[in-house]
Protein backbone atom coordinates (compact mmCIF):
# COMPACT_ATOMS: atom_id res chain seq x y z
CA MET A 1 -47.47 47.24 -9.03
CA PRO A 2 -51.13 46.14 -8.82
CA ALA A 3 -53.32 48.30 -6.58
CA ASP A 4 -54.23 45.38 -4.32
CA ARG A 5 -50.58 44.50 -3.59
CA PRO A 6 -49.20 46.07 -0.38
CA ASP A 7 -46.05 48.16 -0.56
CA PHE A 8 -42.86 47.42 1.38
CA SER A 9 -43.63 49.85 4.23
CA PHE A 10 -46.90 47.99 4.91
CA ILE A 11 -45.11 44.62 4.93
CA GLU A 12 -42.37 45.93 7.22
CA ALA A 13 -45.00 47.30 9.62
CA GLN A 14 -46.71 43.91 9.70
CA LEU A 15 -43.40 42.13 10.41
CA ARG A 16 -42.82 44.52 13.33
CA LYS A 17 -46.22 43.64 14.84
CA LYS A 18 -45.47 39.92 15.06
CA THR A 19 -42.86 37.84 16.86
CA PHE A 20 -43.42 34.32 15.52
CA GLY A 21 -42.24 32.93 12.21
CA ILE A 22 -41.20 29.73 10.50
CA LEU A 23 -37.55 29.35 9.48
CA SER A 24 -36.61 26.91 6.72
CA THR A 25 -33.01 25.79 6.37
CA ILE A 26 -31.33 23.21 4.16
CA ASN A 27 -30.04 20.08 5.88
CA PRO A 28 -26.93 18.10 4.81
CA ARG A 29 -29.05 15.88 2.51
CA GLY A 30 -30.29 18.96 0.65
CA SER A 31 -33.81 18.73 2.06
CA LEU A 32 -35.70 21.57 3.70
CA GLN A 33 -36.04 21.58 7.45
CA SER A 34 -38.51 24.01 9.05
CA THR A 35 -39.05 25.14 12.60
CA GLY A 36 -41.20 27.71 14.36
CA ILE A 37 -39.24 30.40 16.17
CA ILE A 38 -39.66 33.77 17.89
CA TYR A 39 -38.02 36.73 16.16
CA GLY A 40 -37.17 40.38 16.75
CA VAL A 41 -36.79 43.07 14.10
CA SER A 42 -33.87 45.47 13.69
CA PRO A 43 -34.51 49.05 14.85
CA PRO A 44 -36.48 51.23 12.41
CA HIS A 45 -33.42 53.47 11.75
CA SER A 46 -31.41 50.55 10.32
CA LYS A 47 -31.70 48.14 7.40
CA LEU A 48 -34.48 45.57 7.87
CA GLN A 49 -33.06 42.39 9.40
CA LEU A 50 -34.65 39.79 11.64
CA TYR A 51 -33.00 38.26 14.68
CA LEU A 52 -33.72 34.81 16.06
CA LEU A 53 -32.48 33.66 19.45
CA THR A 54 -31.34 30.05 19.72
CA GLU A 55 -28.57 27.74 20.92
CA ARG A 56 -25.42 27.06 18.93
CA SER A 57 -25.96 23.28 19.20
CA TYR A 58 -29.39 23.28 17.46
CA VAL A 59 -29.86 21.74 14.02
CA LYS A 60 -30.90 25.07 12.42
CA VAL A 61 -27.57 26.62 13.44
CA ARG A 62 -25.61 23.67 12.04
CA ASN A 63 -27.62 23.85 8.81
CA ILE A 64 -26.97 27.60 8.46
CA SER A 65 -23.26 27.06 9.15
CA ARG A 66 -23.16 24.72 6.13
CA ASN A 67 -25.56 26.67 3.90
CA PRO A 68 -26.72 30.23 4.77
CA GLU A 69 -29.63 30.20 2.28
CA VAL A 70 -32.93 30.25 4.18
CA ALA A 71 -36.60 31.11 3.80
CA PHE A 72 -38.77 32.76 6.43
CA LEU A 73 -42.55 32.89 6.73
CA VAL A 74 -44.71 34.90 9.15
CA PRO A 75 -48.37 33.80 9.34
CA TYR A 76 -51.19 36.30 9.89
CA PRO A 77 -54.28 34.41 11.07
CA HIS A 78 -57.69 36.02 10.64
CA HIS A 79 -58.89 36.50 14.24
CA PHE A 80 -62.43 37.48 13.32
CA LEU A 81 -62.81 34.97 10.49
CA PRO A 82 -61.10 31.80 11.77
CA PHE A 83 -62.45 29.72 8.87
CA VAL A 84 -60.49 31.85 6.35
CA PRO A 85 -56.95 30.61 5.61
CA ALA A 86 -54.20 32.72 7.16
CA SER A 87 -52.33 35.29 5.13
CA CYS A 88 -48.55 35.36 5.40
CA VAL A 89 -45.40 37.23 4.51
CA SER A 90 -42.60 35.06 3.16
CA PHE A 91 -39.17 35.79 1.75
CA PRO A 92 -35.88 34.15 0.88
CA GLY A 93 -32.74 35.34 2.58
CA THR A 94 -29.35 34.56 3.95
CA ALA A 95 -28.57 33.92 7.57
CA GLU A 96 -25.51 34.33 9.73
CA ILE A 97 -24.74 33.30 13.27
CA VAL A 98 -23.84 36.23 15.52
CA PRO A 99 -22.92 36.28 19.21
CA LEU A 100 -25.43 37.06 21.93
CA ASP A 101 -23.64 40.35 22.65
CA ASP A 102 -24.53 41.70 19.17
CA SER A 103 -25.90 45.18 19.92
CA GLU A 104 -28.50 45.25 17.14
CA GLY A 105 -29.75 41.76 18.05
CA ARG A 106 -30.09 42.79 21.67
CA GLU A 107 -31.95 45.94 20.62
CA ALA A 108 -34.29 43.86 18.44
CA PHE A 109 -35.07 41.67 21.46
CA SER A 110 -35.72 44.65 23.73
CA GLN A 111 -38.87 45.68 21.84
CA GLY A 112 -41.46 43.75 23.80
CA ARG A 113 -42.05 41.91 27.06
CA MET A 114 -41.93 38.42 25.53
CA LEU A 115 -38.77 39.18 23.55
CA LYS A 116 -37.08 40.67 26.63
CA SER A 117 -37.98 37.57 28.62
CA ASN A 118 -36.48 35.33 25.94
CA LEU A 119 -33.32 37.42 25.88
CA GLU A 120 -33.00 37.05 29.67
CA GLN A 121 -33.42 33.29 29.33
CA GLY A 122 -30.89 33.29 26.48
CA ALA A 123 -28.35 35.05 28.68
CA ALA A 124 -28.59 32.09 31.08
CA MET A 125 -27.94 29.56 28.29
CA GLU A 126 -24.36 28.49 27.79
CA GLU A 127 -24.29 28.62 24.00
CA ALA A 128 -26.98 31.17 23.09
CA VAL A 129 -26.53 32.97 19.77
CA PHE A 130 -28.56 35.10 17.41
CA ILE A 131 -29.34 34.14 13.87
CA ARG A 132 -29.42 37.33 11.78
CA LEU A 133 -31.65 37.06 8.70
CA HIS A 134 -30.97 39.27 5.71
CA PRO A 135 -34.05 39.33 3.47
CA LYS A 136 -33.23 39.26 -0.21
CA GLY A 137 -35.33 39.30 -3.28
CA ARG A 138 -39.04 39.91 -3.20
CA MET A 139 -41.25 39.55 -0.14
CA HIS A 140 -44.48 37.71 -0.88
């Protein structure tokens, strides 16, 4: 591995610092469809997985139900050098729809004020679900 390439523990730490990413799914025509979404990360003692809170009726959930192959990207803007393009972590993965009472998903969304607030709002939604992302392959 080149010396300038971060190791997995660094990438995982960066993913845990953020809560916004871009999910790409495949629509029925075979085209990519992307959307920005808030995410939570599985607890440190478990395998790395990301959890997204959404409604069962949304297009991304229907796309995942048909084809679980996804891609996820987390941007890292340069706050002190705004003219420099943002860095990012991106990876392919598979996704599955899990119920809102999933204990690991709920734990992932209990790790910050904004995530907790979204989970409370999700509890009030009729068809709220988690999307669980399983990274696979290489993270870039």
